[in-house]
Amino acid sequence: MNDTLDTPPVRKAGQILVDALRIHGVDRIFCVPGESYLDVLDALCDAPEIDLVVAKHEGAAANMAEADGKLTGRPGICMVTRGPGATHASIGVHTAHQDSTPMILLIGQIDRGFRDREGFQEVDYRAMFGPLAKWVAEIDDAARIPEYILRAFQVATSGRPGPVVLSLPEDMLAASAAVLQPKRFQPVQGAPSASQIHAIQAALDGAQKPVLIVGGSGWTIEATQDLDAFAERFDMPVVASFRRQDLFDNHRPQYAGHLTLGTSPALSRRIHESDLLLVLGSRLGEVATSGYALIASVRSGQTLIHVHPDPDELSSVVQADVAICSGMATLASALSAMAPTVSVPWRERTRAMHAEYLAFTDIAIAPRPPRGVFMAEVVKHVADTLPADAIITNGAGNFTVWVHRFYRYRQQGTELAPTSGAMGYGFPAAIAAKLRYPSRTVVCVAGDGDFLMYPQELATALQFGANVVVLVVNNGLYGTIRMHQARRFPGRISATVIKGPDFVALAHAFGARAEQVETTEAFGPAFERALSAGRPALIELIVDPDQITPTLRLTDRPGEDNKGQGG
């Protein structure tokens, strides 16, 4: 018998943890250091293959880990200290939950002997993170670290991906144990049965007006290539769900737009008129269904085939005629082998839907504002300038409407945007993306309020060489809230004005390149300078605060007058 297996070496818990992360392929951890997990930080001194990225705020670190999980399909790893560190990081866990992103949050915890006394920074993480994570646990025994870490990776990546939270008592991390390490985790996904694939084929053979809706997570480059082959062979109109526009090349003649907070009326009509909806990966949540109205729970004359990796999601909100529990890669592979058995009657409809998408995203429909930068043209310039593999990130706010409407994505893994609607996501996500893919161009588009959530991460970008470009769309407003405020309480402005800093001076203070752009014509040269800066770069775009969406001005509403409020 192998003596090594019989007598594993005694190691400190921090080392056991780091060794377990190594086994499961971790090459990067995002953190803000804390005394509660000093033993892990010490063990990382002997793990140079694990890149330790130190953010300046735990919320940013968690957003970075979530973005890394989105890009790689492997759990993004975040490590924070107890109490305030964990509460700050909860934003990233919430995003990972709603976006179905694999992520593991490791939290330093108070000593085991101090529990239930409201010790310094004590929090019950099972109670706190229970509704936000797939699994929450505390490791009480150093000998069980390999078991817990293996399970964390299995849970985070299997079925519907999502976040896992593990708390690590400080005294446990200082203990020692002799343990064996498990093998690397293996994600578990469902697969469609032969009869379910036959049901899809039969539904397509009998359809006149089908629509293919794609979304969710778990897509790989190979899976989207299989999706392309299926869509082209059947010439089906393809619609992306909220902030998943990169799953299908927007230039292809089958692409028909995406389901968002301002879905094209023409697209909504087409979906309503469809006799078959084939939904792959999307949850059919509030945004995708336009408040559960566009795709009703019970429908008449419309067949729904819903494919999702989580069996609990299927028919939980919208009843499916055919419910298939499957991972996207397996499902897409099966679909790519299918071919029409009858003449396809919807080709003209597919062409018409693509034409409607092109019309809806033509910048000619967006009126040029009387002052400030014309955002539609800016986004078009960015789209026309960048390579197909450029990564675009954003957080939340009305500024995102221009990005989602006028930028045309060409390949999977190029859109990082929170379906959770979290402000502040875009800039940390951009840093994570640039660190993961240093040779690719990464551009973050952020509103002024959105960027001010984590401006200190300019220091992180400079420290770790993440040469991203940030476009700060400055209208001096919390624009989304002002838009709703103007609709419900016209003329009554409360809490929605932002008196921001000098963004250029702020960026310069961190060592970034920065300049302010006040006219559309000045953007192109400024963007080129930013791309070639060789360091993080920020462009502040001064926009008309009245232009609250591409087609709506606040002064179109009675009682609204924004003059002097922004810019």
Protein backbone atom coordinates (compact mmCIF):
# COMPACT_ATOMS: atom_id res chain seq x y z
CA MET A 1 0.00 0.00 0.00
CA ASN A 2 1.13 3.56 -0.74
CA ASP A 3 2.57 5.00 2.48
CA THR A 4 1.95 8.53 1.18
CA LEU A 5 -1.77 7.87 1.02
CA ASP A 6 -1.77 6.26 4.47
CA THR A 7 0.08 9.07 6.21
CA PRO A 8 -0.69 12.46 4.68
CA PRO A 9 1.45 15.31 5.97
CA VAL A 10 0.24 17.57 8.75
CA ARG A 11 -0.46 21.03 7.40
CA LYS A 12 -1.95 24.23 8.72
CA ALA A 13 -5.54 24.86 7.71
CA GLY A 14 -4.62 27.89 5.64
CA GLN A 15 -2.24 25.74 3.59
CA ILE A 16 -4.84 22.99 3.25
CA LEU A 17 -7.28 25.55 1.87
CA VAL A 18 -4.83 27.00 -0.63
CA ASP A 19 -3.80 23.51 -1.77
CA ALA A 20 -7.47 22.66 -2.31
CA LEU A 21 -7.96 25.78 -4.43
CA ARG A 22 -4.91 24.78 -6.49
CA ILE A 23 -6.35 21.32 -7.15
CA HIS A 24 -9.57 22.85 -8.46
CA GLY A 25 -7.72 25.07 -10.91
CA VAL A 26 -7.87 28.44 -9.15
CA ASP A 27 -5.38 30.85 -10.68
CA ARG A 28 -6.77 34.15 -9.38
CA ILE A 29 -8.39 35.42 -6.18
CA PHE A 30 -9.95 38.85 -5.72
CA CYS A 31 -9.80 40.14 -2.18
CA VAL A 32 -9.52 42.89 0.36
CA PRO A 33 -7.23 41.64 3.13
CA GLY A 34 -8.46 41.07 6.67
CA GLU A 35 -6.96 39.81 9.91
CA SER A 36 -9.59 37.10 10.08
CA TYR A 37 -7.90 35.08 7.34
CA LEU A 38 -4.23 35.94 7.76
CA ASP A 39 -3.35 32.24 7.67
CA VAL A 40 -4.71 31.96 4.15
CA LEU A 41 -2.83 35.08 3.04
CA ASP A 42 0.34 33.59 4.51
CA ALA A 43 -0.18 30.31 2.65
CA LEU A 44 -0.65 32.24 -0.59
CA CYS A 45 2.95 33.46 -0.25
CA ASP A 46 3.93 29.93 -1.29
CA ALA A 47 1.45 29.77 -4.19
CA PRO A 48 2.86 32.15 -6.81
CA GLU A 49 0.71 30.52 -9.49
CA ILE A 50 -2.36 32.04 -7.83
CA ASP A 51 -2.67 35.72 -8.72
CA LEU A 52 -3.92 37.71 -5.74
CA VAL A 53 -5.75 40.85 -6.90
CA VAL A 54 -6.29 43.29 -4.04
CA ALA A 55 -9.28 45.53 -4.67
CA LYS A 56 -9.95 48.68 -2.71
CA HIS A 57 -13.53 47.79 -1.73
CA GLU A 58 -15.07 44.40 -1.05
CA GLY A 59 -18.04 45.18 -3.29
CA ALA A 60 -15.64 45.74 -6.18
CA ALA A 61 -13.72 42.56 -5.36
CA ALA A 62 -16.94 40.56 -5.43
CA ASN A 63 -17.98 42.13 -8.73
CA MET A 64 -14.57 41.26 -10.17
CA ALA A 65 -14.93 37.65 -9.07
CA GLU A 66 -18.41 37.46 -10.53
CA ALA A 67 -17.19 38.84 -13.85
CA ASP A 68 -14.30 36.37 -13.89
CA GLY A 69 -16.77 33.54 -13.33
CA LYS A 70 -18.90 34.81 -16.22
CA LEU A 71 -15.92 34.85 -18.56
CA THR A 72 -14.37 31.50 -17.64
CA GLY A 73 -17.33 29.34 -16.63
CA ARG A 74 -15.30 28.43 -13.53
CA PRO A 75 -16.09 29.83 -10.09
CA GLY A 76 -14.75 33.32 -9.60
CA ILE A 77 -13.08 33.43 -6.19
CA CYS A 78 -13.49 36.30 -3.74
CA MET A 79 -12.05 36.48 -0.24
CA VAL A 80 -13.11 39.04 2.35
CA THR A 81 -13.08 39.55 6.07
CA ARG A 82 -15.96 39.15 8.48
CA GLY A 83 -18.79 41.59 9.15
CA PRO A 84 -18.36 44.76 7.07
CA GLY A 85 -16.24 42.93 4.49
CA ALA A 86 -18.92 40.30 3.98
CA THR A 87 -21.78 42.78 3.84
CA HIS A 88 -19.92 44.85 1.24
CA ALA A 89 -19.30 41.72 -0.83
CA SER A 90 -22.96 40.69 -0.76
CA ILE A 91 -23.64 42.78 -3.88
CA GLY A 92 -21.48 40.45 -5.96
CA VAL A 93 -23.20 37.39 -4.51
CA HIS A 94 -26.60 38.82 -5.40
CA THR A 95 -25.45 39.49 -8.97
CA ALA A 96 -23.98 35.98 -9.25
CA HIS A 97 -27.30 34.57 -8.05
CA GLN A 98 -29.50 36.51 -10.47
CA ASP A 99 -27.02 36.12 -13.35
CA SER A 100 -26.45 32.39 -12.73
CA THR A 101 -22.69 32.85 -12.43
CA PRO A 102 -20.40 30.35 -10.68
CA MET A 103 -18.71 32.10 -7.77
CA ILE A 104 -17.27 31.21 -4.36
CA LEU A 105 -17.07 33.79 -1.57
CA LEU A 106 -14.71 32.90 1.28
CA ILE A 107 -15.26 34.92 4.46
CA GLY A 108 -13.01 35.12 7.49
CA GLN A 109 -15.11 34.48 10.59
CA ILE A 110 -14.85 35.06 14.34
CA ASP A 111 -13.33 32.35 16.54
CA ARG A 112 -15.58 29.34 17.06
CA GLY A 113 -15.60 29.89 20.82
CA PHE A 114 -16.97 33.42 20.45
CA ARG A 115 -20.09 32.54 18.46
CA ASP A 116 -23.59 33.57 19.53
CA ARG A 117 -22.31 36.37 21.80
CA GLU A 118 -22.48 39.12 19.17
CA GLY A 119 -18.73 39.06 19.04
CA PHE A 120 -16.73 41.68 17.18
CA GLN A 121 -18.07 41.75 13.59
CA GLU A 122 -20.09 38.57 14.15
CA VAL A 123 -22.68 37.70 11.49
CA ASP A 124 -24.70 34.56 10.93
CA TYR A 125 -23.78 34.00 7.30
CA ARG A 126 -26.24 31.16 6.78
CA ALA A 127 -29.05 33.55 7.62
CA MET A 128 -27.54 36.46 5.76
CA PHE A 129 -26.66 34.74 2.50
CA GLY A 130 -29.24 31.94 2.54
CA PRO A 131 -31.60 33.61 0.03
CA LEU A 132 -28.71 34.78 -2.19
CA ALA A 133 -26.51 31.70 -2.55
CA LYS A 134 -26.91 28.11 -3.67
CA TRP A 135 -25.16 26.89 -0.52
CA VAL A 136 -23.85 28.59 2.62
CA ALA A 137 -21.74 26.78 5.21
CA GLU A 138 -19.11 27.28 7.88
CA ILE A 139 -16.04 25.06 8.14
CA ASP A 140 -15.58 24.11 11.79
CA ASP A 141 -12.93 21.43 11.33
CA ALA A 142 -9.65 21.90 9.44
CA ALA A 143 -9.72 18.24 8.44
CA ARG A 144 -12.92 18.84 6.47
CA ILE A 145 -11.62 21.73 4.35
CA PRO A 146 -11.03 19.57 1.24
CA GLU A 147 -14.55 18.16 1.52
CA TYR A 148 -16.17 21.60 1.80
CA ILE A 149 -14.09 23.14 -1.00
CA LEU A 150 -14.90 20.25 -3.34
CA ARG A 151 -18.59 20.59 -2.60
CA ALA A 152 -18.41 24.36 -3.09
CA PHE A 153 -17.04 23.91 -6.62
CA GLN A 154 -19.53 21.16 -7.42
CA VAL A 155 -22.50 23.21 -6.26
CA ALA A 156 -21.35 26.46 -7.90
CA THR A 157 -20.94 24.85 -11.34
CA SER A 158 -23.59 22.13 -11.49
CA GLY A 159 -27.14 22.58 -12.72
CA ARG A 160 -27.91 26.29 -12.73
CA PRO A 161 -24.56 27.87 -11.83
CA GLY A 162 -24.48 30.26 -8.91
CA PRO A 163 -22.66 31.52 -5.83
CA VAL A 164 -21.50 29.54 -2.79
CA VAL A 165 -20.48 31.16 0.50
CA LEU A 166 -18.10 29.55 2.99
CA SER A 167 -17.12 31.16 6.28
CA LEU A 168 -13.78 30.32 7.85
CA PRO A 169 -13.41 30.78 11.64
CA GLU A 170 -10.11 32.45 12.41
CA ASP A 171 -9.05 29.87 15.01
CA MET A 172 -9.93 27.01 12.64
CA LEU A 173 -7.59 28.48 10.03
CA ALA A 174 -4.76 28.48 12.60
CA ALA A 175 -5.28 24.78 13.40
CA SER A 176 -3.48 21.88 11.70
CA ALA A 177 -4.62 18.55 10.28
CA ALA A 178 -3.41 15.61 8.25
CA VAL A 179 -5.77 15.23 5.30
CA LEU A 180 -5.89 13.81 1.80
CA GLN A 181 -6.92 16.08 -1.04
CA PRO A 182 -9.72 15.04 -3.41
CA LYS A 183 -9.49 15.06 -7.19
CA ARG A 184 -10.58 18.07 -9.21
CA PHE A 185 -14.31 18.84 -9.30
CA GLN A 186 -16.48 17.74 -12.23
CA PRO A 187 -19.55 19.88 -13.01
CA VAL A 188 -22.78 17.94 -13.44
CA GLN A 189 -25.32 19.00 -16.06
CA GLY A 190 -28.50 17.42 -17.34
CA ALA A 191 -28.95 16.38 -20.96
CA PRO A 192 -31.97 16.17 -23.26
CA SER A 193 -33.45 12.75 -23.93
CA ALA A 194 -34.01 11.39 -27.42
CA SER A 195 -37.76 11.87 -26.98
CA GLN A 196 -37.28 15.52 -25.98
CA ILE A 197 -35.14 16.21 -29.05
CA HIS A 198 -37.86 14.52 -31.10
CA ALA A 199 -40.43 16.83 -29.46
CA ILE A 200 -38.39 19.88 -30.53
CA GLN A 201 -38.18 18.53 -34.08
CA ALA A 202 -41.90 17.84 -34.21
CA ALA A 203 -42.76 21.29 -32.87
CA LEU A 204 -40.56 22.95 -35.49
CA ASP A 205 -42.05 20.81 -38.27
CA GLY A 206 -45.51 22.01 -37.31
CA ALA A 207 -44.68 25.67 -36.62
CA GLN A 208 -45.43 28.68 -38.80
CA LYS A 209 -44.05 31.51 -36.66
CA PRO A 210 -41.35 30.23 -34.30
CA VAL A 211 -38.97 32.37 -32.24
CA LEU A 212 -35.76 31.17 -30.59
CA ILE A 213 -34.90 32.94 -27.31
CA VAL A 214 -31.41 32.43 -25.87
CA GLY A 215 -30.03 33.50 -22.53
CA GLY A 216 -28.73 32.35 -19.19
CA SER A 217 -25.24 31.07 -18.46
CA GLY A 218 -23.24 27.95 -19.22
CA TRP A 219 -22.61 28.88 -22.86
CA THR A 220 -19.20 28.22 -24.36
CA ILE A 221 -17.72 29.27 -27.69
CA GLU A 222 -18.43 25.75 -28.98
CA ALA A 223 -22.02 25.89 -27.73
CA THR A 224 -22.69 29.21 -29.45
CA GLN A 225 -21.17 27.82 -32.65
CA ASP A 226 -23.61 24.91 -32.43
CA LEU A 227 -26.39 27.42 -31.83
CA ASP A 228 -25.32 29.33 -34.93
CA ALA A 229 -25.46 26.15 -37.02
CA PHE A 230 -28.93 25.26 -35.75
CA ALA A 231 -30.33 28.75 -36.27
CA GLU A 232 -28.88 29.00 -39.76
CA ARG A 233 -30.10 25.55 -40.81
CA PHE A 234 -33.64 26.30 -39.67
CA ASP A 235 -33.38 30.03 -40.50
CA MET A 236 -35.05 30.82 -37.18
CA PRO A 237 -35.31 34.33 -35.77
CA VAL A 238 -33.07 34.52 -32.70
CA VAL A 239 -33.80 36.83 -29.76
CA ALA A 240 -31.37 37.38 -26.87
CA SER A 241 -32.66 37.73 -23.34
CA PHE A 242 -31.71 40.67 -21.11
CA ARG A 243 -27.99 41.51 -21.31
CA ARG A 244 -27.13 38.28 -23.15
CA GLN A 245 -26.77 39.88 -26.59
CA ASP A 246 -23.35 38.35 -27.15
CA LEU A 247 -24.73 34.81 -27.43
CA PHE A 248 -25.57 35.30 -31.11
CA ASP A 249 -23.81 37.47 -33.69
CA ASN A 250 -25.99 40.58 -34.00
CA HIS A 251 -24.98 40.95 -37.66
CA ARG A 252 -26.37 37.58 -38.71
CA PRO A 253 -29.63 37.65 -40.74
CA GLN A 254 -31.39 35.56 -38.09
CA TYR A 255 -30.80 38.02 -35.24
CA ALA A 256 -33.99 39.83 -34.23
CA GLY A 257 -33.04 41.85 -31.15
CA HIS A 258 -33.18 41.37 -27.41
CA LEU A 259 -35.62 41.37 -24.53
CA THR A 260 -34.78 44.31 -22.34
CA LEU A 261 -36.34 47.03 -20.21
CA GLY A 262 -37.28 48.83 -23.44
CA THR A 263 -37.95 45.98 -25.86
CA SER A 264 -38.76 47.07 -29.39
CA PRO A 265 -42.56 47.24 -29.88
CA ALA A 266 -42.13 45.39 -33.18
CA LEU A 267 -40.24 42.58 -31.45
CA SER A 268 -42.83 42.37 -28.67
CA ARG A 269 -45.55 42.05 -31.31
CA ARG A 270 -43.66 39.30 -33.12
CA ILE A 271 -43.21 37.29 -29.93
CA HIS A 272 -46.85 37.74 -29.01
CA GLU A 273 -47.88 36.48 -32.47
CA SER A 274 -45.51 33.48 -32.45
CA ASP A 275 -46.94 29.99 -32.36
CA LEU A 276 -43.74 28.42 -30.97
CA LEU A 277 -41.23 29.79 -28.46
CA LEU A 278 -38.06 27.75 -28.08
CA VAL A 279 -36.33 29.17 -25.00
CA LEU A 280 -32.77 28.07 -24.30
CA GLY A 281 -31.19 28.94 -20.96
CA SER A 282 -33.20 32.04 -20.10
CA ARG A 283 -35.18 32.11 -16.85
CA LEU A 284 -38.17 33.95 -18.33
CA GLY A 285 -38.02 36.46 -15.52
CA GLU A 286 -39.62 39.87 -15.13
CA VAL A 287 -37.53 41.66 -17.77
CA ALA A 288 -37.63 38.93 -20.41
CA THR A 289 -41.41 38.67 -20.14
CA SER A 290 -42.08 42.44 -19.84
CA GLY A 291 -43.49 42.09 -16.37
CA TYR A 292 -44.83 38.56 -16.97
CA ALA A 293 -47.18 39.93 -19.62
CA LEU A 294 -45.41 39.31 -22.95
CA ILE A 295 -45.07 35.59 -22.20
CA ALA A 296 -47.95 34.70 -19.93
CA SER A 297 -47.93 31.87 -17.42
CA VAL A 298 -50.75 30.13 -19.30
CA ARG A 299 -50.97 30.73 -23.02
CA SER A 300 -53.47 29.90 -25.73
CA GLY A 301 -52.31 28.80 -29.17
CA GLN A 302 -48.63 29.24 -28.39
CA THR A 303 -46.31 26.34 -27.64
CA LEU A 304 -43.44 26.88 -25.21
CA ILE A 305 -40.42 24.60 -25.14
CA HIS A 306 -38.24 25.66 -22.24
CA VAL A 307 -34.70 24.35 -21.73
CA HIS A 308 -32.96 25.27 -18.49
CA PRO A 309 -30.26 23.61 -16.35
CA ASP A 310 -32.33 23.88 -13.15
CA PRO A 311 -35.37 21.58 -12.90
CA ASP A 312 -36.86 23.86 -10.25
CA GLU A 313 -36.96 26.72 -12.77
CA LEU A 314 -38.97 24.84 -15.38
CA SER A 315 -42.70 25.70 -15.26
CA SER A 316 -42.14 27.55 -11.99
CA VAL A 317 -43.35 30.86 -13.44
CA VAL A 318 -44.31 30.20 -17.06
CA GLN A 319 -45.78 26.81 -17.78
CA ALA A 320 -43.89 24.92 -20.49
CA ASP A 321 -45.47 22.51 -22.93
CA VAL A 322 -42.13 20.73 -23.11
CA ALA A 323 -39.74 21.22 -20.17
CA ILE A 324 -36.16 20.03 -20.64
CA CYS A 325 -33.52 20.05 -17.91
CA SER A 326 -30.20 20.36 -19.70
CA GLY A 327 -26.94 22.23 -19.79
CA MET A 328 -26.55 24.53 -22.76
CA ALA A 329 -23.50 22.87 -24.29
CA THR A 330 -25.16 19.45 -24.47
CA LEU A 331 -28.43 20.86 -25.74
CA ALA A 332 -26.78 23.02 -28.40
CA SER A 333 -24.75 20.06 -29.62
CA ALA A 334 -27.93 18.02 -30.05
CA LEU A 335 -29.68 20.88 -31.86
CA SER A 336 -26.76 21.36 -34.25
CA ALA A 337 -27.32 17.83 -35.56
CA MET A 338 -30.97 18.55 -36.42
CA ALA A 339 -32.27 19.56 -39.83
CA PRO A 340 -35.71 20.58 -41.13
CA THR A 341 -37.77 17.66 -42.39
CA VAL A 342 -40.32 19.92 -44.07
CA SER A 343 -40.09 23.16 -46.00
CA VAL A 344 -39.44 26.08 -43.68
CA PRO A 345 -42.34 28.56 -44.05
CA TRP A 346 -40.98 31.39 -41.91
CA ARG A 347 -37.95 32.59 -43.88
CA GLU A 348 -39.56 35.86 -44.94
CA ARG A 349 -40.65 36.46 -41.37
CA THR A 350 -37.06 35.97 -40.18
CA ARG A 351 -35.81 38.49 -42.75
CA ALA A 352 -38.51 40.94 -41.69
CA MET A 353 -37.63 40.57 -38.00
CA HIS A 354 -33.95 41.21 -38.70
CA ALA A 355 -34.90 44.27 -40.76
CA GLU A 356 -37.00 45.52 -37.85
CA TYR A 357 -34.02 45.04 -35.54
CA LEU A 358 -31.80 47.04 -37.89
CA ALA A 359 -34.38 49.82 -38.08
CA PHE A 360 -34.75 49.94 -34.29
CA THR A 361 -30.98 50.17 -33.80
CA ASP A 362 -30.29 52.68 -36.57
CA ILE A 363 -28.87 55.82 -34.95
CA ALA A 364 -30.88 57.87 -37.45
CA ILE A 365 -33.98 57.30 -35.31
CA ALA A 366 -32.30 58.90 -32.30
CA PRO A 367 -32.62 62.70 -32.41
CA ARG A 368 -29.36 64.55 -31.99
CA PRO A 369 -29.53 66.51 -28.71
CA PRO A 370 -29.07 70.29 -28.95
CA ARG A 371 -26.02 70.15 -26.68
CA GLY A 372 -23.47 67.68 -25.47
CA VAL A 373 -22.21 64.43 -26.93
CA PHE A 374 -24.54 62.39 -29.15
CA MET A 375 -24.36 59.01 -27.42
CA ALA A 376 -25.85 56.99 -30.26
CA GLU A 377 -23.00 58.05 -32.53
CA VAL A 378 -20.45 57.42 -29.80
CA VAL A 379 -21.63 53.84 -29.32
CA LYS A 380 -21.72 53.25 -33.06
CA HIS A 381 -18.15 54.55 -33.35
CA VAL A 382 -17.04 52.19 -30.58
CA ALA A 383 -18.77 49.25 -32.29
CA ASP A 384 -17.29 50.10 -35.68
CA THR A 385 -13.79 50.61 -34.26
CA LEU A 386 -13.28 47.67 -31.92
CA PRO A 387 -12.43 44.09 -32.91
CA ALA A 388 -15.02 41.32 -32.57
CA ASP A 389 -13.46 40.00 -29.35
CA ALA A 390 -13.50 43.35 -27.52
CA ILE A 391 -15.27 43.16 -24.17
CA ILE A 392 -17.87 45.78 -23.29
CA THR A 393 -18.91 46.19 -19.66
CA ASN A 394 -21.53 48.30 -17.94
CA GLY A 395 -23.36 48.66 -14.67
CA ALA A 396 -26.88 50.04 -14.38
CA GLY A 397 -28.60 53.26 -15.39
CA ASN A 398 -30.30 54.86 -18.35
CA PHE A 399 -26.94 55.31 -20.08
CA THR A 400 -26.98 51.55 -20.72
CA VAL A 401 -29.91 51.94 -23.11
CA TRP A 402 -27.57 53.45 -25.70
CA VAL A 403 -25.08 50.60 -25.29
CA HIS A 404 -27.62 47.79 -25.53
CA ARG A 405 -29.49 49.40 -28.40
CA PHE A 406 -26.67 50.58 -30.67
CA TYR A 407 -23.71 48.29 -29.95
CA ARG A 408 -23.72 45.11 -32.07
CA TYR A 409 -22.06 42.15 -30.39
CA ARG A 410 -20.35 39.57 -32.57
CA GLN A 411 -19.21 36.73 -30.33
CA GLN A 412 -19.80 35.05 -27.00
CA GLY A 413 -17.98 36.39 -23.95
CA THR A 414 -17.92 40.04 -25.01
CA GLU A 415 -20.77 41.45 -22.90
CA LEU A 416 -20.37 41.82 -19.15
CA ALA A 417 -23.49 43.40 -17.72
CA PRO A 418 -25.49 42.54 -14.61
CA THR A 419 -28.98 41.17 -15.20
CA SER A 420 -29.40 41.99 -11.50
CA GLY A 421 -29.35 45.67 -12.44
CA ALA A 422 -26.50 46.50 -10.06
CA MET A 423 -24.93 49.95 -10.26
CA GLY A 424 -21.15 50.01 -10.11
CA TYR A 425 -20.65 46.61 -11.76
CA GLY A 426 -19.07 47.72 -15.01
CA PHE A 427 -15.73 49.15 -13.87
CA PRO A 428 -14.70 46.28 -11.56
CA ALA A 429 -15.89 43.84 -14.23
CA ALA A 430 -13.72 45.57 -16.80
CA ILE A 431 -10.66 45.21 -14.57
CA ALA A 432 -11.35 41.49 -14.12
CA ALA A 433 -11.84 41.05 -17.86
CA LYS A 434 -8.57 42.80 -18.75
CA LEU A 435 -6.65 40.72 -16.22
CA ARG A 436 -8.19 37.54 -17.62
CA TYR A 437 -7.58 38.51 -21.27
CA PRO A 438 -4.73 41.05 -21.35
CA SER A 439 -4.50 41.08 -25.16
CA ARG A 440 -8.17 41.95 -25.67
CA THR A 441 -9.61 45.47 -25.67
CA VAL A 442 -11.88 46.14 -22.70
CA VAL A 443 -14.16 49.16 -22.58
CA CYS A 444 -16.39 50.07 -19.65
CA VAL A 445 -19.33 52.40 -20.24
CA ALA A 446 -20.51 53.95 -16.97
CA GLY A 447 -22.84 56.71 -15.91
CA ASP A 448 -21.51 59.33 -13.55
CA GLY A 449 -23.47 57.90 -10.63
CA ASP A 450 -22.61 54.38 -11.72
CA PHE A 451 -18.86 55.08 -11.84
CA LEU A 452 -18.92 56.85 -8.48
CA MET A 453 -19.82 53.55 -6.80
CA TYR A 454 -16.23 52.32 -7.19
CA PRO A 455 -13.96 55.09 -8.55
CA GLN A 456 -11.22 54.01 -6.13
CA GLU A 457 -10.70 50.91 -8.26
CA LEU A 458 -8.64 53.12 -10.56
CA ALA A 459 -5.94 52.35 -8.04
CA THR A 460 -6.47 48.62 -8.58
CA ALA A 461 -6.36 49.01 -12.36
CA LEU A 462 -3.06 50.92 -12.13
CA GLN A 463 -1.53 48.59 -9.56
CA PHE A 464 -2.26 45.42 -11.52
CA GLY A 465 -1.83 46.76 -15.04
CA ALA A 466 -5.43 46.46 -16.18
CA ASN A 467 -5.33 48.96 -19.05
CA VAL A 468 -9.05 49.41 -19.57
CA VAL A 469 -10.85 52.35 -21.16
CA VAL A 470 -13.70 53.89 -19.17
CA LEU A 471 -16.31 56.11 -20.80
CA VAL A 472 -18.04 58.10 -18.06
CA VAL A 473 -21.38 59.40 -19.37
CA ASN A 474 -21.89 62.51 -17.28
CA ASN A 475 -25.36 64.03 -17.20
CA GLY A 476 -25.28 65.11 -13.55
CA LEU A 477 -28.25 62.88 -12.75
CA TYR A 478 -29.33 59.54 -11.44
CA GLY A 479 -30.99 59.27 -14.83
CA THR A 480 -33.17 56.20 -14.40
CA ILE A 481 -34.66 57.51 -11.18
CA ARG A 482 -35.16 60.97 -12.67
CA MET A 483 -37.00 59.44 -15.63
CA HIS A 484 -39.42 57.62 -13.34
CA GLN A 485 -39.66 60.66 -11.10
CA ALA A 486 -40.61 62.84 -14.07
CA ARG A 487 -43.32 60.42 -15.07
CA ARG A 488 -44.88 60.01 -11.62
CA PHE A 489 -44.12 63.37 -10.00
CA PRO A 490 -43.59 65.90 -12.82
CA GLY A 491 -41.77 69.05 -11.84
CA ARG A 492 -40.84 67.74 -8.39
CA ILE A 493 -37.12 66.96 -8.30
CA SER A 494 -35.83 65.15 -5.24
CA ALA A 495 -32.52 63.33 -4.64
CA THR A 496 -31.69 62.77 -8.29
CA VAL A 497 -29.08 65.50 -8.94
CA ILE A 498 -25.41 64.49 -8.80
CA LYS A 499 -22.76 67.06 -8.01
CA GLY A 500 -19.84 64.96 -9.10
CA PRO A 501 -16.09 65.54 -8.96
CA ASP A 502 -13.75 66.68 -11.69
CA PHE A 503 -13.51 63.21 -13.25
CA VAL A 504 -10.42 64.08 -15.27
CA ALA A 505 -8.55 65.36 -12.22
CA LEU A 506 -9.72 62.34 -10.24
CA ALA A 507 -8.34 59.93 -12.84
CA HIS A 508 -5.09 61.88 -13.10
CA ALA A 509 -4.68 61.64 -9.33
CA PHE A 510 -4.58 57.85 -9.65
CA GLY A 511 -2.16 57.97 -12.58
CA ALA A 512 -4.63 57.19 -15.35
CA ARG A 513 -4.89 59.00 -18.66
CA ALA A 514 -8.00 61.17 -18.83
CA GLU A 515 -9.71 63.87 -20.84
CA GLN A 516 -13.11 65.47 -21.13
CA VAL A 517 -15.12 65.38 -24.36
CA GLU A 518 -17.93 67.89 -24.91
CA THR A 519 -18.70 67.35 -28.60
CA THR A 520 -19.42 64.26 -30.67
CA GLU A 521 -16.75 65.17 -33.20
CA ALA A 522 -14.07 65.16 -30.50
CA PHE A 523 -14.83 61.64 -29.35
CA GLY A 524 -13.16 59.62 -32.11
CA PRO A 525 -9.65 61.09 -31.65
CA ALA A 526 -10.02 60.96 -27.86
CA PHE A 527 -11.03 57.30 -28.02
CA GLU A 528 -8.01 56.49 -30.17
CA ARG A 529 -5.74 58.22 -27.67
CA ALA A 530 -7.30 56.25 -24.84
CA LEU A 531 -6.90 52.92 -26.65
CA SER A 532 -3.22 53.58 -27.29
CA ALA A 533 -2.43 55.06 -23.87
CA GLY A 534 -0.67 51.98 -22.48
CA ARG A 535 -2.34 52.57 -19.11
CA PRO A 536 -5.90 52.85 -17.80
CA ALA A 537 -7.73 55.68 -19.51
CA LEU A 538 -10.90 57.62 -18.76
CA ILE A 539 -12.96 59.78 -21.09
CA GLU A 540 -15.62 61.96 -19.50
CA LEU A 541 -18.48 62.47 -21.94
CA ILE A 542 -20.57 65.57 -21.27
CA VAL A 543 -24.13 64.80 -22.38
CA ASP A 544 -27.42 66.67 -22.41
CA PRO A 545 -29.26 65.78 -19.19
CA ASP A 546 -32.59 66.34 -20.94
CA GLN A 547 -31.91 63.41 -23.29
CA ILE A 548 -32.87 60.69 -20.83
CA THR A 549 -33.21 57.91 -23.44
CA PRO A 550 -32.31 57.76 -27.15
CA THR A 551 -35.80 59.02 -28.06
CA LEU A 552 -37.16 60.68 -24.90
CA ARG A 553 -36.35 64.10 -23.49
CA LEU A 554 -37.26 65.05 -19.96
CA THR A 555 -38.56 68.40 -21.18
CA ASP A 556 -41.11 66.47 -23.24
CA ARG A 557 -42.88 65.90 -19.92
CA PRO A 558 -45.01 68.69 -18.43
CA GLY A 559 -43.34 70.60 -15.63
CA GLU A 560 -39.84 69.31 -16.32
CA ASP A 561 -36.97 71.69 -16.93
CA ASN A 562 -33.47 70.34 -16.50
CA LYS A 563 -31.51 73.40 -17.59
CA GLY A 564 -28.51 73.87 -15.40
CA GLN A 565 -28.99 70.54 -13.61
CA GLY A 566 -26.36 68.55 -15.43
CA GLY A 567 -23.40 68.71 -17.73
